[in-house]
């Protein structure tokens, strides 16, 4: 099951057709939070194969639900997770590595249990709503100050 309506949706749909997976892969556009909760409750593993990603809300929802995370080893995911401890990270553009990590997550019960618990604990410790709000505000304010300073500096240079 895949959810999302991003810019690569048509490429994903074409890949599903090309690999003759039409009857095996369900592709949903944007979904409601209630549907996400239902999907997560049924999922054995949450896979996020993004080439680049900030802090994904879908990822946080899966972590909070205690799902095993299999994610690409992009910069953001490598910063969030310790590979093999909080999640299984696969090499970008390596379908074999991705498949091996999914199979490992589904077949190794002790590993699945440990990763599930660790991802949920990480989510609660690092990304709880009481903690994340002030952290985001600090980042946004610093960005606004830098941007405002840059704009003022560029205006001064252009007018002098």
Protein backbone atom coordinates (compact mmCIF):
# COMPACT_ATOMS: atom_id res chain seq x y z
CA UNK A 1 0.00 0.00 0.00
CA UNK A 2 1.40 3.37 -1.01
CA UNK A 3 -0.05 6.73 -0.06
CA UNK A 4 0.79 10.15 -1.40
CA UNK A 5 0.19 12.51 -4.23
CA UNK A 6 3.68 13.90 -4.78
CA UNK A 7 5.43 14.83 -8.01
CA UNK A 8 6.69 11.25 -8.57
CA UNK A 9 3.23 9.66 -8.40
CA UNK A 10 3.05 9.03 -12.16
CA UNK A 11 6.57 7.58 -12.23
CA UNK A 12 5.58 5.24 -9.39
CA UNK A 13 2.39 4.26 -11.22
CA UNK A 14 4.41 3.56 -14.38
CA UNK A 15 6.94 1.49 -12.39
CA UNK A 16 4.08 -0.57 -10.95
CA UNK A 17 2.73 -1.22 -14.46
CA UNK A 18 6.19 -1.96 -15.90
CA UNK A 19 6.96 -4.52 -13.19
CA UNK A 20 3.46 -6.03 -13.53
CA UNK A 21 2.54 -5.32 -9.91
CA UNK A 22 -0.92 -3.84 -10.63
CA UNK A 23 -2.75 -6.41 -8.52
CA UNK A 24 -0.21 -6.37 -5.70
CA UNK A 25 0.36 -2.65 -5.03
CA UNK A 26 -2.44 -0.35 -3.88
CA UNK A 27 -1.77 3.30 -4.60
CA UNK A 28 -3.79 5.92 -2.72
CA UNK A 29 -3.62 9.71 -3.19
CA UNK A 30 -3.78 12.04 -0.19
CA UNK A 31 -5.66 10.31 2.64
CA UNK A 32 -7.39 11.37 5.84
CA UNK A 33 -5.76 10.92 9.23
CA UNK A 34 -8.37 8.29 10.14
CA UNK A 35 -7.45 6.25 7.06
CA UNK A 36 -3.75 6.62 7.91
CA UNK A 37 -4.39 5.24 11.38
CA UNK A 38 -6.26 2.29 9.87
CA UNK A 39 -3.47 1.60 7.36
CA UNK A 40 -0.78 1.85 10.04
CA UNK A 41 -2.65 -0.54 12.32
CA UNK A 42 -2.56 -3.15 9.53
CA UNK A 43 1.03 -2.53 8.42
CA UNK A 44 3.88 -4.80 9.37
CA UNK A 45 6.54 -2.36 8.17
CA UNK A 46 6.55 1.32 7.19
CA UNK A 47 8.76 2.06 4.19
CA UNK A 48 9.86 5.58 3.25
CA UNK A 49 12.04 5.43 0.10
CA UNK A 50 12.53 9.20 -0.29
CA UNK A 51 15.53 10.56 -2.14
CA UNK A 52 15.29 13.64 0.05
CA UNK A 53 12.93 14.37 2.89
CA UNK A 54 12.62 16.74 5.77
CA UNK A 55 10.91 15.51 8.90
CA UNK A 56 8.01 13.59 7.40
CA UNK A 57 4.71 13.63 9.27
CA UNK A 58 3.98 10.16 7.86
CA UNK A 59 7.27 8.95 9.33
CA UNK A 60 6.43 10.41 12.76
CA UNK A 61 2.98 8.80 12.65
CA UNK A 62 4.52 5.40 11.87
CA UNK A 63 7.10 5.79 14.63
CA UNK A 64 4.41 6.80 17.14
CA UNK A 65 2.40 3.75 16.09
CA UNK A 66 5.41 1.57 16.86
CA UNK A 67 5.97 0.40 13.30
CA UNK A 68 9.28 -0.91 12.06
CA UNK A 69 10.81 1.77 9.86
CA UNK A 70 12.63 0.91 6.65
CA UNK A 71 13.86 4.15 5.10
CA UNK A 72 16.32 5.36 2.53
CA UNK A 73 19.65 6.46 3.91
CA UNK A 74 19.20 10.03 2.76
CA UNK A 75 20.71 12.83 4.84
CA UNK A 76 17.59 13.45 6.94
CA UNK A 77 16.93 9.80 7.78
CA UNK A 78 20.60 9.19 8.59
CA UNK A 79 20.42 12.11 11.00
CA UNK A 80 17.27 10.81 12.72
CA UNK A 81 18.02 7.09 12.93
CA UNK A 82 20.83 4.80 13.96
CA UNK A 83 20.79 2.10 11.29
CA UNK A 84 19.92 -1.28 12.78
CA UNK A 85 18.99 0.25 16.14
CA UNK A 86 16.02 2.57 15.46
CA UNK A 87 15.31 1.65 11.84
CA UNK A 88 16.70 -0.21 8.87
CA UNK A 89 18.23 2.17 6.34
CA UNK A 90 18.80 1.11 2.74
CA UNK A 91 21.05 2.66 0.13
CA UNK A 92 19.33 5.08 -2.21
CA UNK A 93 18.52 3.64 -5.64
CA UNK A 94 19.37 0.10 -4.50
CA UNK A 95 16.21 -1.97 -4.93
CA UNK A 96 17.95 -5.16 -3.77
CA UNK A 97 19.05 -3.51 -0.50
CA UNK A 98 15.51 -2.18 0.00
CA UNK A 99 13.99 -5.63 -0.60
CA UNK A 100 16.49 -7.30 1.76
CA UNK A 101 15.70 -4.80 4.55
CA UNK A 102 11.94 -5.31 4.14
CA UNK A 103 12.31 -9.10 4.22
CA UNK A 104 14.60 -8.84 7.27
CA UNK A 105 12.06 -6.64 9.07
CA UNK A 106 9.23 -9.04 8.31
CA UNK A 107 11.03 -12.30 9.11
CA UNK A 108 13.21 -11.52 12.13
CA UNK A 109 10.77 -11.25 15.05
CA UNK A 110 13.31 -10.22 17.76
CA UNK A 111 14.72 -7.52 15.46
CA UNK A 112 11.23 -6.34 14.51
CA UNK A 113 10.24 -6.10 18.15
CA UNK A 114 13.39 -4.16 19.11
CA UNK A 115 13.15 -1.76 16.14
CA UNK A 116 9.47 -1.14 16.76
CA UNK A 117 10.05 -0.28 20.42
CA UNK A 118 13.10 1.85 19.66
CA UNK A 119 11.34 3.86 16.91
CA UNK A 120 8.40 4.62 19.21
CA UNK A 121 10.69 5.62 22.09
CA UNK A 122 12.72 7.84 19.75
CA UNK A 123 9.55 9.52 18.52
CA UNK A 124 8.29 10.19 22.03
CA UNK A 125 11.71 11.37 23.25
CA UNK A 126 12.71 13.58 20.32
CA UNK A 127 9.51 14.57 18.54
CA UNK A 128 6.70 14.84 21.07
CA UNK A 129 4.33 17.75 20.54
CA UNK A 130 5.46 19.40 23.77
CA UNK A 131 9.10 19.34 22.58
CA UNK A 132 8.84 19.82 18.83
CA UNK A 133 6.83 23.07 18.93
CA UNK A 134 9.48 25.14 20.73
CA UNK A 135 12.26 23.52 18.64
CA UNK A 136 10.49 24.41 15.38
CA UNK A 137 9.78 27.93 16.60
CA UNK A 138 13.48 28.41 17.35
CA UNK A 139 14.45 27.17 13.87
CA UNK A 140 11.83 29.35 12.16
CA UNK A 141 12.82 32.46 14.12
CA UNK A 142 16.52 31.95 13.35
CA UNK A 143 15.68 31.50 9.66
CA UNK A 144 13.52 34.62 9.66
CA UNK A 145 16.30 36.63 11.32
CA UNK A 146 18.90 35.36 8.81
CA UNK A 147 16.58 36.02 5.88
CA UNK A 148 15.66 39.48 7.15
CA UNK A 149 19.33 40.29 7.70
CA UNK A 150 20.22 39.04 4.22
CA UNK A 151 17.44 41.11 2.62
CA UNK A 152 18.51 44.23 4.50
CA UNK A 153 22.15 43.62 3.56
CA UNK A 154 21.30 43.11 -0.12
CA UNK A 155 19.14 46.27 -0.18
CA UNK A 156 22.03 48.29 1.31
CA UNK A 157 24.45 46.91 -1.32
CA UNK A 158 22.04 47.63 -4.17
CA UNK A 159 21.41 51.23 -3.06
CA UNK A 160 24.99 52.24 -2.34
